[in-house]
Amino acid sequence: MERTEQIQRLSYYHLFIIFIKAGLAFGGGLGILAVLEDELVTRRKLIAREEFLTTYSLGRIVPSGTMTALAVAFGYRFGGLFGSLVALVALVLPAFVMTVALTIAYAFLRDGPLFTLLPVTILPAALAFIVAAALRLGKDLMRPSLDLLLAVSALSGALFLDINPAILLLAGGAIGIVAFWNADAGAKP
């Protein structure tokens, strides 16, 4: 099967803007994921949602942080090797600056009355952002499909049968290849 689609490029400036927005997202990984999905799939229509979720899935299994893997993958896809560097720096920069600023603020505020308000103000808001992002990203995954069946089977195997996750990944990959290969073969004219 030959791919005829042309890969769109983004300027380094636009890559930086997209990933700095993602780095500023509240709620950690799911917040970042929601911003990237909104920017790359919905607004700019640079990639299909299926490709976005596939790249995310691959990012989950590589030996690094998932969002780091996404920054490198999408940076490379839209800007080459230097694009990976731009996306990665833009994604990490807000967290680095925030960590330094919060460390300094903590030293001054840890004994004050404002610090006691944290559990009843910011933390519930953060939880709400994370739940909203998870629901938005997962809305298409909760329909009956082979993907969902494989995911539930793997979860059940890990929780109830104590099967090694590496074996579940290999088995799921093999089943997915066979099932989707047959589905693709049946779809050809």
Protein backbone atom coordinates (compact mmCIF):
# COMPACT_ATOMS: atom_id res chain seq x y z
CA MET A 1 0.00 0.00 0.00
CA GLU A 2 1.60 3.26 -1.12
CA ARG A 3 1.27 6.45 0.91
CA THR A 4 0.56 9.43 -1.30
CA GLU A 5 -0.20 12.03 1.34
CA GLN A 6 2.28 14.87 1.62
CA ILE A 7 3.69 15.61 5.04
CA GLN A 8 3.06 19.20 6.02
CA ARG A 9 5.88 21.18 7.59
CA LEU A 10 5.54 23.83 10.26
CA SER A 11 7.87 26.72 10.82
CA TYR A 12 10.01 26.48 13.93
CA TYR A 13 8.13 29.48 15.27
CA HIS A 14 4.76 27.68 14.95
CA LEU A 15 6.19 24.50 16.46
CA PHE A 16 7.48 26.54 19.38
CA ILE A 17 4.10 28.25 19.88
CA ILE A 18 2.16 24.96 19.78
CA PHE A 19 4.46 23.24 22.25
CA ILE A 20 4.83 26.21 24.60
CA LYS A 21 1.01 26.26 24.80
CA ALA A 22 1.09 22.56 25.57
CA GLY A 23 3.79 23.09 28.17
CA LEU A 24 1.64 25.72 29.85
CA ALA A 25 -1.36 23.35 30.02
CA PHE A 26 -2.68 22.72 33.49
CA GLY A 27 -3.05 19.13 34.59
CA GLY A 28 0.16 17.46 33.45
CA GLY A 29 0.18 14.86 30.70
CA LEU A 30 -3.55 14.83 29.95
CA GLY A 31 -3.65 18.62 29.80
CA ILE A 32 -0.70 18.64 27.41
CA LEU A 33 -2.30 15.89 25.34
CA ALA A 34 -5.57 17.82 25.07
CA VAL A 35 -3.77 20.98 23.88
CA LEU A 36 -1.75 19.04 21.29
CA GLU A 37 -4.86 17.26 20.03
CA ASP A 38 -6.70 20.56 19.76
CA GLU A 39 -3.83 22.31 17.94
CA LEU A 40 -2.70 19.54 15.59
CA VAL A 41 -5.97 17.72 14.86
CA THR A 42 -8.86 20.14 15.39
CA ARG A 43 -7.57 23.63 14.63
CA ARG A 44 -4.74 23.14 12.15
CA LYS A 45 -5.92 19.78 10.73
CA LEU A 46 -2.31 18.68 10.26
CA ILE A 47 -2.96 15.04 11.14
CA ALA A 48 -5.93 12.76 11.54
CA ARG A 49 -7.15 11.91 15.04
CA GLU A 50 -6.30 8.24 14.45
CA GLU A 51 -2.68 9.12 13.65
CA PHE A 52 -2.54 11.36 16.72
CA LEU A 53 -3.80 8.55 18.97
CA THR A 54 -1.42 6.05 17.33
CA THR A 55 1.55 8.34 17.97
CA TYR A 56 0.35 8.80 21.56
CA SER A 57 0.09 5.02 21.97
CA LEU A 58 3.64 4.56 20.69
CA GLY A 59 4.81 7.34 23.00
CA ARG A 60 3.34 5.43 25.95
CA ILE A 61 5.58 2.40 25.37
CA VAL A 62 8.94 4.02 24.56
CA PRO A 63 11.42 4.30 27.43
CA SER A 64 10.91 8.00 28.17
CA GLY A 65 8.16 10.27 29.35
CA THR A 66 5.11 10.09 27.10
CA MET A 67 4.88 13.84 26.52
CA THR A 68 8.62 13.99 25.83
CA ALA A 69 8.17 11.26 23.23
CA LEU A 70 5.26 13.16 21.66
CA ALA A 71 7.29 16.37 21.48
CA VAL A 72 10.13 14.56 19.75
CA ALA A 73 7.82 12.64 17.38
CA PHE A 74 5.63 15.56 16.34
CA GLY A 75 8.58 17.96 16.29
CA TYR A 76 10.39 15.61 13.91
CA ARG A 77 7.29 15.02 11.80
CA PHE A 78 6.64 18.72 11.26
CA GLY A 79 10.15 20.19 11.46
CA GLY A 80 12.80 17.51 11.12
CA LEU A 81 15.58 16.95 13.62
CA PHE A 82 15.79 20.60 14.66
CA GLY A 83 11.98 20.62 14.95
CA SER A 84 12.29 17.88 17.59
CA LEU A 85 14.66 20.06 19.57
CA VAL A 86 12.40 23.13 19.25
CA ALA A 87 9.29 21.18 20.35
CA LEU A 88 11.10 19.57 23.27
CA VAL A 89 12.56 22.84 24.57
CA ALA A 90 9.20 24.61 24.21
CA LEU A 91 7.39 21.81 26.05
CA VAL A 92 9.86 21.68 28.95
CA LEU A 93 10.54 25.41 29.35
CA PRO A 94 7.29 26.33 31.19
CA ALA A 95 7.67 23.47 33.67
CA PHE A 96 11.30 24.39 34.32
CA VAL A 97 10.49 28.07 34.94
CA MET A 98 7.46 27.15 37.08
CA THR A 99 9.46 24.70 39.17
CA VAL A 100 12.12 27.31 39.92
CA ALA A 101 9.47 29.96 40.69
CA LEU A 102 7.42 27.63 42.92
CA THR A 103 10.52 26.52 44.80
CA ILE A 104 11.35 30.14 45.56
CA ALA A 105 7.71 30.89 46.49
CA TYR A 106 7.55 27.83 48.75
CA ALA A 107 10.53 29.06 50.73
CA PHE A 108 8.65 32.29 51.50
CA LEU A 109 5.08 30.97 51.88
CA ARG A 110 5.41 27.59 53.59
CA ASP A 111 4.64 28.94 57.05
CA GLY A 112 1.93 31.41 55.96
CA PRO A 113 -1.87 31.12 55.93
CA LEU A 114 -2.11 31.00 52.11
CA PHE A 115 -0.35 27.66 52.02
CA THR A 116 -3.14 26.00 53.99
CA LEU A 117 -5.68 26.98 51.29
CA LEU A 118 -3.93 24.93 48.59
CA PRO A 119 -5.81 21.64 49.19
CA VAL A 120 -9.23 23.31 48.92
CA THR A 121 -8.54 25.66 45.99
CA ILE A 122 -5.95 24.73 43.38
CA LEU A 123 -5.94 20.95 43.79
CA PRO A 124 -9.69 20.46 43.07
CA ALA A 125 -9.40 22.74 40.04
CA ALA A 126 -6.46 20.72 38.75
CA LEU A 127 -8.44 17.51 39.18
CA ALA A 128 -11.36 18.99 37.21
CA PHE A 129 -9.04 19.92 34.32
CA ILE A 130 -7.52 16.45 34.26
CA VAL A 131 -10.91 14.69 34.27
CA ALA A 132 -12.25 16.96 31.51
CA ALA A 133 -9.20 16.27 29.33
CA ALA A 134 -9.46 12.51 29.91
CA LEU A 135 -13.16 12.45 29.01
CA ARG A 136 -12.60 14.55 25.88
CA LEU A 137 -9.74 12.39 24.63
CA GLY A 138 -11.46 9.10 25.48
CA LYS A 139 -14.90 9.85 24.05
CA ASP A 140 -14.27 7.96 20.79
CA LEU A 141 -12.56 5.04 22.50
CA MET A 142 -15.62 3.94 24.48
CA ARG A 143 -17.58 2.63 21.53
CA PRO A 144 -17.72 -1.13 20.92
CA SER A 145 -14.68 -2.04 18.83
CA LEU A 146 -11.82 -4.49 18.57
CA ASP A 147 -9.56 -1.87 20.19
CA LEU A 148 -11.77 -1.69 23.27
CA LEU A 149 -12.07 -5.48 23.45
CA LEU A 150 -8.26 -5.85 23.32
CA ALA A 151 -7.82 -3.15 25.98
CA VAL A 152 -10.35 -4.73 28.35
CA SER A 153 -8.85 -8.18 27.76
CA ALA A 154 -5.34 -6.91 28.52
CA LEU A 155 -6.52 -5.10 31.64
CA SER A 156 -8.32 -8.23 32.83
CA GLY A 157 -5.26 -10.36 32.11
CA ALA A 158 -3.02 -8.03 34.08
CA LEU A 159 -5.38 -7.53 37.05
CA PHE A 160 -7.02 -10.89 37.50
CA LEU A 161 -4.64 -13.39 35.90
CA ASP A 162 -1.39 -11.61 36.82
CA ILE A 163 -0.03 -11.95 33.26
CA ASN A 164 3.23 -10.13 32.58
CA PRO A 165 2.56 -6.79 30.79
CA ALA A 166 5.25 -7.52 28.18
CA ILE A 167 3.43 -10.72 27.21
CA LEU A 168 0.13 -8.81 27.02
CA LEU A 169 1.71 -6.16 24.77
CA LEU A 170 3.17 -8.79 22.42
CA ALA A 171 -0.07 -10.79 22.33
CA GLY A 172 -2.17 -7.66 21.78
CA GLY A 173 0.15 -6.52 19.00
CA ALA A 174 -0.03 -9.91 17.27
CA ILE A 175 -3.82 -10.08 17.58
CA GLY A 176 -4.13 -6.49 16.33
CA ILE A 177 -1.92 -7.17 13.32
CA VAL A 178 -3.88 -10.27 12.36
CA ALA A 179 -7.28 -8.66 12.92
CA PHE A 180 -6.50 -5.39 11.18
CA TRP A 181 -4.56 -7.06 8.36
CA ASN A 182 -7.64 -9.15 7.62
CA ALA A 183 -9.89 -6.07 7.88
CA ASP A 184 -7.64 -4.13 5.47
CA ALA A 185 -7.53 -7.06 3.03
CA GLY A 186 -11.33 -7.28 3.04
CA ALA A 187 -11.69 -3.53 2.41
CA LYS A 188 -9.66 -3.51 -0.82
CA PRO A 189 -11.67 -3.36 -4.06
